[in-house]
Protein backbone atom coordinates (compact mmCIF):
# COMPACT_ATOMS: atom_id res chain seq x y z
CA UNK A 1 0.00 0.00 0.00
CA UNK A 2 2.78 2.44 0.91
CA UNK A 3 4.74 1.63 -2.24
CA UNK A 4 1.60 2.32 -4.28
CA UNK A 5 1.23 5.74 -2.64
CA UNK A 6 4.88 6.67 -3.18
CA UNK A 7 4.66 5.54 -6.79
CA UNK A 8 1.52 7.61 -7.26
CA UNK A 9 3.21 10.68 -5.77
CA UNK A 10 6.20 10.20 -8.11
CA UNK A 11 3.78 9.97 -11.04
CA UNK A 12 2.00 13.18 -9.99
CA UNK A 13 5.35 14.91 -9.52
CA UNK A 14 6.51 13.94 -13.01
CA UNK A 15 3.27 15.19 -14.56
CA UNK A 16 3.59 18.54 -12.78
CA UNK A 17 7.19 18.87 -13.96
CA UNK A 18 6.13 18.20 -17.55
CA UNK A 19 3.35 20.78 -17.31
CA UNK A 20 5.76 23.36 -15.89
CA UNK A 21 8.43 22.33 -18.46
CA UNK A 22 10.92 21.36 -15.76
CA UNK A 23 11.38 17.81 -16.96
CA UNK A 24 14.59 18.52 -18.88
CA UNK A 25 17.97 17.14 -17.90
CA UNK A 26 19.95 19.34 -15.54
CA UNK A 27 23.01 20.58 -17.43
CA UNK A 28 24.96 20.91 -14.17
CA UNK A 29 27.50 23.71 -14.14
CA UNK A 30 26.12 25.19 -17.34
CA UNK A 31 22.66 25.85 -15.89
CA UNK A 32 23.87 29.44 -15.36
CA UNK A 33 23.72 29.84 -19.15
CA UNK A 34 19.92 29.73 -19.14
CA UNK A 35 18.21 32.95 -20.32
CA UNK A 36 16.91 33.94 -16.90
CA UNK A 37 20.43 34.16 -15.51
CA UNK A 38 21.60 36.34 -18.40
CA UNK A 39 18.75 38.78 -17.81
CA UNK A 40 19.52 38.91 -14.08
CA UNK A 41 23.22 39.57 -14.67
CA UNK A 42 22.55 42.21 -17.34
CA UNK A 43 20.15 44.04 -15.00
CA UNK A 44 22.63 43.86 -12.11
CA UNK A 45 25.52 45.20 -14.22
CA UNK A 46 23.36 48.02 -15.60
CA UNK A 47 22.20 48.88 -12.09
CA UNK A 48 25.75 49.06 -10.75
CA UNK A 49 26.78 51.23 -13.70
CA UNK A 50 23.89 53.66 -13.12
CA UNK A 51 24.60 53.77 -9.38
CA UNK A 52 28.27 54.57 -10.05
CA UNK A 53 27.33 57.38 -12.48
CA UNK A 54 24.91 58.85 -9.94
CA UNK A 55 27.58 58.74 -7.20
CA UNK A 56 30.15 60.32 -9.54
CA UNK A 57 27.91 63.33 -10.24
CA UNK A 58 27.41 64.08 -6.55
């Protein structure tokens, strides 16, 4: 009975991952190359640049 429930939970988990498109293989170290990380880094670099320009003018 318990093995049936754990198997059912694994099945539900795999369906939810497929729906949310998280069923792909983890690329490991190169997961930082995904588009979300590039956007985050670009925004952070631009923010630091703008902060430095604002501090320079004062």
